[in-house]
Amino acid sequence: MSIRELAPRRPPTRMRHRPGRVAVPWPPLVALLALLQGAGCDSGSAAPRPEGARAEQPASGAREVELAPVTEAAVEQLVAISGTLDADEQVTVGAKVPGRLASLSVDLASPVTKGQVIGQIEARDYELRVEQAAAALAQSRAQLGLPPGGPDEPLDVEGTAIVRQASATLKEAEANRDRAHKLAKDGLITGVDLDAAEAAAVRAETAVQSAREEVRIRQAAVRQRRSELSLARQQLADAAVRSPIDGVVQARRASVGQYLTAGAPIADLVRIDPLRLRVAVPELEAASVRQGQPVRVTVQGDGAVYAGTVARVAPALDPESRTLLVESDIKNPGHLRPGSLVSAQIVVSSKPAPTVPATAVIRFAGLTKVVTVEGGKAREKQVTTGRTVGDRVEIVSGLSVGESVVARPGSLQQGQPVRVVEGSPGADAR
């Protein structure tokens, strides 16, 4: 609507023109123009407010936040240290008897079991030695009147042939001596004959004693031949080189056809399950380490955590490094290797401590802080944190159980107005 249409229509009047004077518009029209310009009247403007209506208050800018209570939780006290995973056992298997290596059935990384034959020394020489020792034993047994085979049962010394023969000679000599005494009394023999009979009896008695000693010597010879036979059989058995442990071949040290002396290495074997964790605990923390405490191990490049317990603790500190050697047995799932450098945590104790959600902690420029609410405004508090337990962080100092913190402060600043969401876990504690 134009200004002209809004103006009231009046009959045109004829203005009287006077020389030297300017025509002035009608006063009501001037007032109407001023009113329309002040109201900003156009086709897109809103309808005017009703008279007496109160203008809307501007937004306060308060940010909605959720509070989380500071709760008490059990926090483990740990001794964190680096260590090495070693093989539980490592042995070098060598030849017990000299000879030429006839066969070798293992190579690098071959799994072996305890008692498995991994190499064979040529055994023909040792088989012949067994036969030779068996023949010598049979000969010694025959000298005692025993059959070639059979155990070395208790022997009746008086019943052996050599002793019975000597005993018979003694009996004959004693009879001759007794007759010589009778004849000498009757004067039928001379003194020379009597002395000869006496001497023969003494020699026969000595012969019996010698026969008994000979039997004992032959008994000892049988035992010696028996030991020689056992030794020969053992050497024949030792020609087969066996693994003393369950494990894996770390290195092969000999080749087929090579002549080996006694003790020459054939293969290095390691047992890799369980693995033995060795760590050197500093003297300051060594006092809290005890046998049976839980141990957690992580390997570089492997996100898994491997569990064990403290199995062995050295009785004394190393005087040079001032550390205590601690060992733990770690179950090997199959892919852990001896010699790996690992990070270990020994759980020495567990105690209750204040904790807050990890999302409530702000770390900036070397400072650690949380945000609380006081009087409807955010207030920053500097804290000292400890370990992270799941999704919560231990508070060493700066907060106490029962207080509340902003669960997710984000970019919340000191003194910024906030409004606590009703029903949040810490709303009643603000």
Protein backbone atom coordinates (compact mmCIF):
# COMPACT_ATOMS: atom_id res chain seq x y z
CA MET A 1 0.00 0.00 0.00
CA SER A 2 1.41 3.33 -1.02
CA ILE A 3 1.62 6.46 1.13
CA ARG A 4 -0.76 8.18 -1.15
CA GLU A 5 -3.43 5.54 -0.59
CA LEU A 6 -3.07 5.80 3.21
CA ALA A 7 -3.46 9.57 3.28
CA PRO A 8 -7.02 10.77 3.93
CA ARG A 9 -8.74 12.23 0.97
CA ARG A 10 -9.96 15.80 1.30
CA PRO A 11 -11.29 18.11 -1.25
CA PRO A 12 -8.58 19.86 -3.04
CA THR A 13 -7.99 23.32 -1.82
CA ARG A 14 -6.53 26.03 -3.72
CA MET A 15 -3.52 27.37 -2.14
CA ARG A 16 -2.94 30.95 -2.32
CA HIS A 17 0.45 31.71 -3.68
CA ARG A 18 2.21 34.58 -2.32
CA PRO A 19 5.35 35.84 -3.86
CA GLY A 20 8.49 35.08 -1.79
CA ARG A 21 6.91 32.23 0.26
CA VAL A 22 7.29 28.33 -0.01
CA ALA A 23 4.29 26.01 0.14
CA VAL A 24 4.20 23.77 3.30
CA PRO A 25 2.56 20.23 3.24
CA TRP A 26 -0.42 19.44 5.28
CA PRO A 27 0.57 18.65 8.93
CA PRO A 28 -1.38 15.36 9.34
CA LEU A 29 0.33 13.86 6.33
CA VAL A 30 3.79 14.63 7.76
CA ALA A 31 2.92 12.91 11.01
CA LEU A 32 1.65 9.79 9.19
CA LEU A 33 4.89 9.51 7.18
CA ALA A 34 7.01 9.69 10.31
CA LEU A 35 4.93 6.96 11.97
CA LEU A 36 5.23 4.57 9.04
CA GLN A 37 9.01 5.05 8.74
CA GLY A 38 9.51 4.39 12.48
CA ALA A 39 7.51 1.19 12.32
CA GLY A 40 9.52 -0.07 9.37
CA CYS A 41 6.38 -0.91 7.47
CA ASP A 42 6.88 -3.13 4.44
CA SER A 43 5.37 -6.27 2.96
CA GLY A 44 7.70 -8.73 4.88
CA SER A 45 7.53 -7.20 8.38
CA ALA A 46 5.92 -9.08 11.30
CA ALA A 47 2.76 -7.98 12.96
CA PRO A 48 3.33 -5.59 15.88
CA ARG A 49 3.37 -7.06 19.44
CA PRO A 50 0.33 -6.53 21.51
CA GLU A 51 0.72 -3.61 23.84
CA GLY A 52 1.94 -4.64 27.28
CA ALA A 53 3.65 -7.90 26.08
CA ARG A 54 7.11 -8.52 27.79
CA ALA A 55 10.12 -9.05 25.54
CA GLU A 56 11.75 -12.55 25.64
CA GLN A 57 14.95 -12.82 27.80
CA PRO A 58 18.17 -13.70 25.92
CA ALA A 59 19.72 -17.24 26.39
CA SER A 60 22.05 -17.54 29.38
CA GLY A 61 24.76 -19.70 27.55
CA ALA A 62 24.90 -22.41 30.30
CA ARG A 63 26.26 -25.76 29.06
CA GLU A 64 24.62 -29.04 30.02
CA VAL A 65 27.00 -31.50 31.71
CA GLU A 66 26.81 -34.91 33.37
CA LEU A 67 28.54 -35.58 36.67
CA ALA A 68 30.33 -38.76 37.66
CA PRO A 69 31.05 -39.60 41.30
CA VAL A 70 34.55 -40.31 42.61
CA THR A 71 34.27 -43.95 43.69
CA GLU A 72 36.62 -46.30 45.49
CA ALA A 73 38.01 -49.28 43.59
CA ALA A 74 40.71 -51.88 44.14
CA VAL A 75 43.91 -50.78 42.41
CA GLU A 76 46.80 -53.19 41.92
CA GLN A 77 50.28 -52.17 43.00
CA LEU A 78 52.72 -53.32 40.33
CA VAL A 79 56.42 -53.73 39.78
CA ALA A 80 56.91 -53.03 36.08
CA ILE A 81 60.16 -54.18 34.54
CA SER A 82 61.64 -55.52 31.32
CA GLY A 83 63.00 -59.04 31.06
CA THR A 84 63.84 -61.91 28.73
CA LEU A 85 62.03 -65.11 27.88
CA ASP A 86 64.47 -68.01 28.00
CA ALA A 87 64.06 -71.67 27.21
CA ASP A 88 63.07 -73.73 30.21
CA GLU A 89 65.90 -76.17 29.44
CA GLN A 90 68.65 -76.17 26.84
CA VAL A 91 70.98 -79.13 26.32
CA THR A 92 73.61 -80.22 23.85
CA VAL A 93 73.20 -83.89 23.01
CA GLY A 94 76.48 -85.65 22.34
CA ALA A 95 77.75 -89.12 21.59
CA LYS A 96 78.34 -91.21 24.72
CA VAL A 97 80.51 -93.71 22.82
CA PRO A 98 82.96 -93.13 19.99
CA GLY A 99 82.14 -94.26 16.50
CA ARG A 100 80.98 -93.27 13.06
CA LEU A 101 77.58 -91.57 12.84
CA ALA A 102 75.43 -93.93 10.81
CA SER A 103 72.20 -91.89 10.77
CA LEU A 104 70.70 -88.61 12.01
CA SER A 105 66.90 -88.30 12.01
CA VAL A 106 66.46 -84.63 13.04
CA ASP A 107 67.26 -81.20 11.67
CA LEU A 108 66.71 -77.56 12.61
CA ALA A 109 63.30 -76.96 14.28
CA SER A 110 62.46 -80.67 14.42
CA PRO A 111 60.25 -81.48 17.43
CA VAL A 112 61.55 -84.26 19.64
CA THR A 113 60.21 -86.20 22.61
CA LYS A 114 62.05 -87.55 25.60
CA GLY A 115 63.69 -90.89 24.74
CA GLN A 116 63.36 -90.45 20.97
CA VAL A 117 66.33 -91.75 18.92
CA ILE A 118 67.78 -88.80 17.04
CA GLY A 119 71.04 -90.39 15.86
CA GLN A 120 72.71 -93.79 15.54
CA ILE A 121 76.38 -94.68 15.94
CA GLU A 122 77.57 -97.73 13.98
CA ALA A 123 76.85 -100.55 16.41
CA ARG A 124 78.64 -103.61 15.00
CA ASP A 125 81.77 -103.14 17.13
CA TYR A 126 79.66 -102.91 20.27
CA GLU A 127 77.67 -106.01 19.35
CA LEU A 128 80.93 -107.97 19.12
CA ARG A 129 81.98 -106.65 22.51
CA VAL A 130 78.76 -107.94 23.98
CA GLU A 131 79.41 -111.39 22.55
CA GLN A 132 82.98 -111.36 23.89
CA ALA A 133 81.87 -110.37 27.39
CA ALA A 134 79.14 -113.01 27.38
CA ALA A 135 81.68 -115.73 26.51
CA ALA A 136 84.05 -114.62 29.26
CA LEU A 137 81.23 -114.72 31.77
CA ALA A 138 80.24 -118.22 30.70
CA GLN A 139 83.86 -119.36 31.15
CA SER A 140 84.03 -117.98 34.68
CA ARG A 141 80.76 -119.59 35.62
CA ALA A 142 81.97 -122.92 34.28
CA GLN A 143 85.01 -122.76 36.56
CA LEU A 144 82.58 -122.71 39.47
CA GLY A 145 80.52 -125.53 38.09
CA LEU A 146 77.64 -123.21 37.13
CA PRO A 147 75.65 -123.31 33.88
CA PRO A 148 76.58 -120.72 31.22
CA GLY A 149 73.39 -118.72 31.68
CA GLY A 150 71.26 -117.79 34.61
CA PRO A 151 71.60 -115.42 37.55
CA ASP A 152 74.48 -115.39 39.98
CA GLU A 153 72.69 -117.31 42.72
CA PRO A 154 74.35 -117.84 46.15
CA LEU A 155 77.10 -120.45 45.84
CA ASP A 156 77.90 -123.29 48.33
CA VAL A 157 81.66 -123.00 48.59
CA GLU A 158 82.07 -126.40 50.26
CA GLY A 159 80.13 -128.02 47.46
CA THR A 160 82.42 -126.86 44.67
CA ALA A 161 84.64 -129.44 42.98
CA ILE A 162 87.92 -127.85 43.93
CA VAL A 163 87.05 -127.67 47.61
CA ARG A 164 85.63 -131.18 47.72
CA GLN A 165 88.82 -132.49 46.14
CA ALA A 166 91.01 -130.71 48.64
CA SER A 167 88.82 -131.90 51.50
CA ALA A 168 89.15 -135.51 50.35
CA THR A 169 92.94 -135.19 50.21
CA LEU A 170 92.91 -133.73 53.71
CA LYS A 171 90.83 -136.59 55.03
CA GLU A 172 93.23 -139.13 53.50
CA ALA A 173 96.26 -137.34 54.93
CA GLU A 174 94.73 -137.19 58.39
CA ALA A 175 93.99 -140.96 58.27
CA ASN A 176 97.57 -141.72 57.21
CA ARG A 177 98.87 -139.58 60.04
CA ASP A 178 96.71 -141.39 62.59
CA ARG A 179 97.93 -144.81 61.37
CA ALA A 180 101.51 -143.60 61.44
CA HIS A 181 101.13 -142.65 65.10
CA LYS A 182 99.86 -146.13 65.98
CA LEU A 183 102.62 -147.84 64.04
CA ALA A 184 105.23 -145.61 65.62
CA LYS A 185 104.02 -146.63 69.08
CA ASP A 186 104.45 -150.28 68.14
CA GLY A 187 107.85 -149.49 66.66
CA LEU A 188 106.84 -150.64 63.23
CA ILE A 189 107.86 -147.40 61.43
CA THR A 190 110.66 -145.03 61.86
CA GLY A 191 110.45 -141.43 62.99
CA VAL A 192 111.07 -140.27 59.44
CA ASP A 193 107.92 -141.95 58.21
CA LEU A 194 105.94 -140.42 61.08
CA ASP A 195 107.20 -136.93 60.22
CA ALA A 196 106.29 -137.46 56.57
CA ALA A 197 102.73 -138.39 57.52
CA GLU A 198 102.46 -135.31 59.72
CA ALA A 199 103.70 -133.04 56.91
CA ALA A 200 101.28 -134.55 54.41
CA ALA A 201 98.36 -133.83 56.73
CA VAL A 202 99.41 -130.19 57.13
CA ARG A 203 99.78 -129.77 53.35
CA ALA A 204 96.32 -131.26 52.78
CA GLU A 205 94.77 -128.90 55.33
CA THR A 206 96.44 -125.94 53.63
CA ALA A 207 95.19 -127.14 50.26
CA VAL A 208 91.60 -127.03 51.52
CA GLN A 209 92.02 -123.44 52.61
CA SER A 210 93.57 -122.55 49.24
CA ALA A 211 90.69 -124.23 47.44
CA ARG A 212 88.18 -122.15 49.37
CA GLU A 213 90.06 -118.94 48.48
CA GLU A 214 90.21 -120.00 44.84
CA VAL A 215 86.45 -120.40 44.82
CA ARG A 216 86.06 -116.87 46.17
CA ILE A 217 88.45 -115.56 43.49
CA ARG A 218 86.41 -117.30 40.81
CA GLN A 219 83.24 -115.85 42.26
CA ALA A 220 84.75 -112.38 41.99
CA ALA A 221 85.77 -113.14 38.41
CA VAL A 222 82.17 -114.03 37.60
CA ARG A 223 80.99 -110.71 39.02
CA GLN A 224 83.66 -108.90 37.00
CA ARG A 225 82.63 -110.68 33.80
CA ARG A 226 79.02 -109.87 34.59
CA SER A 227 79.89 -106.16 34.91
CA GLU A 228 81.87 -106.27 31.66
CA LEU A 229 78.88 -107.81 29.92
CA SER A 230 76.57 -105.11 31.34
CA LEU A 231 79.03 -102.41 30.24
CA ALA A 232 79.21 -103.84 26.75
CA ARG A 233 75.43 -103.94 26.54
CA GLN A 234 75.22 -100.35 27.81
CA GLN A 235 77.69 -99.19 25.18
CA LEU A 236 75.63 -100.94 22.55
CA ALA A 237 72.53 -99.14 23.80
CA ASP A 238 74.41 -95.82 23.93
CA ALA A 239 75.20 -96.16 20.26
CA ALA A 240 71.61 -94.99 19.79
CA VAL A 241 71.62 -91.27 20.67
CA ARG A 242 68.35 -90.31 22.41
CA SER A 243 66.77 -87.00 23.34
CA PRO A 244 66.82 -86.35 27.11
CA ILE A 245 63.92 -83.82 26.99
CA ASP A 246 60.76 -82.88 25.14
CA GLY A 247 61.64 -79.95 22.94
CA VAL A 248 62.80 -78.66 19.58
CA VAL A 249 66.11 -78.90 17.74
CA GLN A 250 67.90 -75.55 18.01
CA ALA A 251 70.91 -76.57 15.88
CA ARG A 252 72.37 -79.67 14.22
CA ARG A 253 76.05 -80.11 15.06
CA ALA A 254 77.09 -83.29 13.18
CA SER A 255 76.64 -85.01 9.82
CA VAL A 256 76.11 -88.62 8.77
CA GLY A 257 79.40 -90.44 8.21
CA GLN A 258 81.36 -88.22 10.58
CA TYR A 259 83.51 -90.01 13.17
CA LEU A 260 82.63 -88.80 16.64
CA THR A 261 84.64 -89.08 19.81
CA ALA A 262 82.95 -89.62 23.15
CA GLY A 263 81.14 -86.41 24.10
CA ALA A 264 81.19 -84.88 20.61
CA PRO A 265 78.06 -82.69 20.09
CA ILE A 266 75.36 -83.90 17.73
CA ALA A 267 72.43 -81.46 18.26
CA ASP A 268 71.29 -78.61 20.52
CA LEU A 269 67.81 -79.10 22.00
CA VAL A 270 65.60 -76.58 23.79
CA ARG A 271 62.37 -76.98 25.71
CA ILE A 272 60.09 -74.02 24.93
CA ASP A 273 56.99 -74.86 26.94
CA PRO A 274 56.88 -73.46 29.49
CA LEU A 275 59.21 -70.54 28.91
CA ARG A 276 61.24 -69.15 31.75
CA LEU A 277 60.90 -65.40 32.35
CA ARG A 278 63.99 -63.86 33.96
CA VAL A 279 63.84 -60.30 35.31
CA ALA A 280 66.19 -58.29 37.49
CA VAL A 281 64.13 -56.36 40.05
CA PRO A 282 65.79 -53.21 41.50
CA GLU A 283 66.69 -53.35 45.18
CA LEU A 284 64.14 -50.66 46.08
CA GLU A 285 61.24 -52.79 44.80
CA ALA A 286 62.70 -56.22 45.54
CA ALA A 287 61.43 -56.24 49.14
CA SER A 288 57.80 -56.50 47.97
CA VAL A 289 58.34 -59.42 45.57
CA ARG A 290 57.27 -62.84 46.86
CA GLN A 291 57.00 -66.32 45.42
CA GLY A 292 53.53 -67.07 44.04
CA GLN A 293 52.62 -63.48 43.08
CA PRO A 294 50.83 -63.06 39.72
CA VAL A 295 52.88 -61.99 36.73
CA ARG A 296 51.62 -60.50 33.45
CA VAL A 297 53.82 -60.46 30.36
CA THR A 298 53.46 -58.59 27.07
CA VAL A 299 55.63 -59.08 24.00
CA GLN A 300 56.48 -56.37 21.51
CA GLY A 301 54.23 -56.60 18.47
CA ASP A 302 51.78 -58.90 20.26
CA GLY A 303 48.72 -57.44 21.96
CA ALA A 304 48.05 -60.54 24.05
CA VAL A 305 48.82 -60.69 27.77
CA TYR A 306 50.43 -63.89 29.06
CA ALA A 307 49.95 -64.87 32.68
CA GLY A 308 52.22 -66.64 35.11
CA THR A 309 53.37 -66.59 38.72
CA VAL A 310 56.64 -65.86 40.47
CA ALA A 311 58.20 -69.33 40.63
CA ARG A 312 61.72 -68.67 41.90
CA VAL A 313 63.35 -65.78 43.76
CA ALA A 314 67.12 -65.54 44.19
CA PRO A 315 68.23 -65.75 47.82
CA ALA A 316 70.54 -62.72 47.53
CA LEU A 317 70.94 -59.49 45.57
CA ASP A 318 73.54 -59.16 42.86
CA PRO A 319 76.23 -57.02 44.54
CA GLU A 320 77.24 -55.36 41.26
CA SER A 321 73.86 -54.38 39.80
CA ARG A 322 71.97 -54.22 43.13
CA THR A 323 69.12 -56.22 41.63
CA LEU A 324 67.26 -59.38 42.59
CA LEU A 325 66.85 -62.16 40.01
CA VAL A 326 63.25 -63.34 39.75
CA GLU A 327 61.99 -66.16 37.52
CA SER A 328 58.50 -67.09 36.38
CA ASP A 329 57.14 -69.93 34.25
CA ILE A 330 55.07 -68.66 31.29
CA LYS A 331 52.82 -71.02 29.34
CA ASN A 332 53.77 -70.97 25.66
CA PRO A 333 50.76 -71.13 23.30
CA GLY A 334 53.15 -72.09 20.52
CA HIS A 335 54.36 -68.86 18.93
CA LEU A 336 56.51 -67.39 21.71
CA ARG A 337 60.25 -67.75 21.16
CA PRO A 338 63.10 -67.94 23.65
CA GLY A 339 65.26 -64.83 23.70
CA SER A 340 62.35 -62.40 23.25
CA LEU A 341 62.51 -59.09 25.14
CA VAL A 342 59.27 -58.60 27.07
CA SER A 343 57.61 -56.21 29.49
CA ALA A 344 56.54 -57.78 32.77
CA GLN A 345 54.30 -56.63 35.60
CA ILE A 346 54.48 -58.30 39.01
CA VAL A 347 51.31 -57.74 41.06
CA VAL A 348 52.69 -57.24 44.56
CA SER A 349 49.48 -56.05 46.29
CA SER A 350 46.01 -54.56 45.81
CA LYS A 351 44.50 -51.64 47.77
CA PRO A 352 41.35 -49.45 47.49
CA ALA A 353 41.84 -45.98 45.98
CA PRO A 354 39.65 -43.12 44.60
CA THR A 355 38.94 -43.46 40.87
CA VAL A 356 37.19 -41.40 38.19
CA PRO A 357 36.18 -42.21 34.60
CA ALA A 358 39.05 -41.93 32.17
CA THR A 359 36.97 -39.48 30.09
CA ALA A 360 36.89 -37.03 33.01
CA VAL A 361 40.67 -36.53 33.09
CA ILE A 362 42.19 -33.67 31.09
CA ARG A 363 45.91 -33.66 30.29
CA PHE A 364 47.35 -30.49 28.82
CA ALA A 365 50.79 -28.89 28.88
CA GLY A 366 52.08 -31.37 31.43
CA LEU A 367 49.18 -30.78 33.82
CA THR A 368 46.48 -33.25 34.78
CA LYS A 369 43.14 -31.89 35.93
CA VAL A 370 39.43 -32.57 36.25
CA VAL A 371 36.42 -30.22 36.17
CA THR A 372 33.93 -29.93 39.03
CA VAL A 373 30.79 -27.83 39.39
CA GLU A 374 30.51 -25.16 42.10
CA GLY A 375 27.76 -22.56 42.17
CA GLY A 376 26.60 -23.41 38.66
CA LYS A 377 30.02 -22.80 37.18
CA ALA A 378 32.85 -25.03 36.08
CA ARG A 379 35.89 -25.19 38.32
CA GLU A 380 39.15 -26.88 37.34
CA LYS A 381 41.05 -28.99 39.88
CA GLN A 382 44.60 -30.19 39.41
CA VAL A 383 45.03 -33.87 40.35
CA THR A 384 47.73 -36.54 40.43
CA THR A 385 46.77 -39.76 38.68
CA GLY A 386 48.00 -43.30 39.13
CA ARG A 387 47.18 -46.49 37.27
CA THR A 388 44.38 -46.98 34.75
CA VAL A 389 42.03 -49.81 35.74
CA GLY A 390 39.72 -50.62 32.86
CA ASP A 391 37.83 -47.42 32.02
CA ARG A 392 38.73 -45.68 35.31
CA VAL A 393 41.81 -43.82 36.48
CA GLU A 394 43.28 -43.87 39.98
CA ILE A 395 43.44 -40.48 41.73
CA VAL A 396 46.49 -40.27 43.96
CA SER A 397 45.80 -36.74 45.20
CA GLY A 398 43.44 -33.84 44.53
CA LEU A 399 40.08 -35.59 45.01
CA SER A 400 38.40 -37.74 47.62
CA VAL A 401 35.67 -40.35 47.51
CA GLY A 402 32.20 -38.77 47.40
CA GLU A 403 33.06 -35.78 45.24
CA SER A 404 31.81 -35.48 41.67
CA VAL A 405 33.48 -34.45 38.43
CA VAL A 406 32.23 -33.63 34.96
CA ALA A 407 32.17 -36.93 33.10
CA ARG A 408 33.07 -35.45 29.70
CA PRO A 409 34.43 -31.91 30.07
CA GLY A 410 35.55 -31.54 26.46
CA SER A 411 36.39 -27.84 25.91
CA LEU A 412 34.74 -26.66 29.15
CA GLN A 413 36.58 -23.67 30.58
CA GLN A 414 37.13 -22.38 34.10
CA GLY A 415 34.17 -20.27 35.26
CA GLN A 416 31.92 -21.21 32.35
CA PRO A 417 28.23 -21.48 33.39
CA VAL A 418 26.96 -25.07 33.42
CA ARG A 419 23.72 -26.85 34.08
CA VAL A 420 23.86 -30.37 35.53
CA VAL A 421 21.65 -32.83 33.70
CA GLU A 422 19.14 -34.19 36.18
CA GLY A 423 19.51 -37.91 36.75
CA SER A 424 23.25 -38.05 36.03
CA PRO A 425 25.16 -40.30 38.48
CA GLY A 426 26.70 -37.36 40.39
CA ALA A 427 23.83 -34.88 40.20
CA ASP A 428 22.91 -35.30 43.86
CA ALA A 429 26.52 -34.86 45.00
CA ARG A 430 27.11 -31.41 43.45
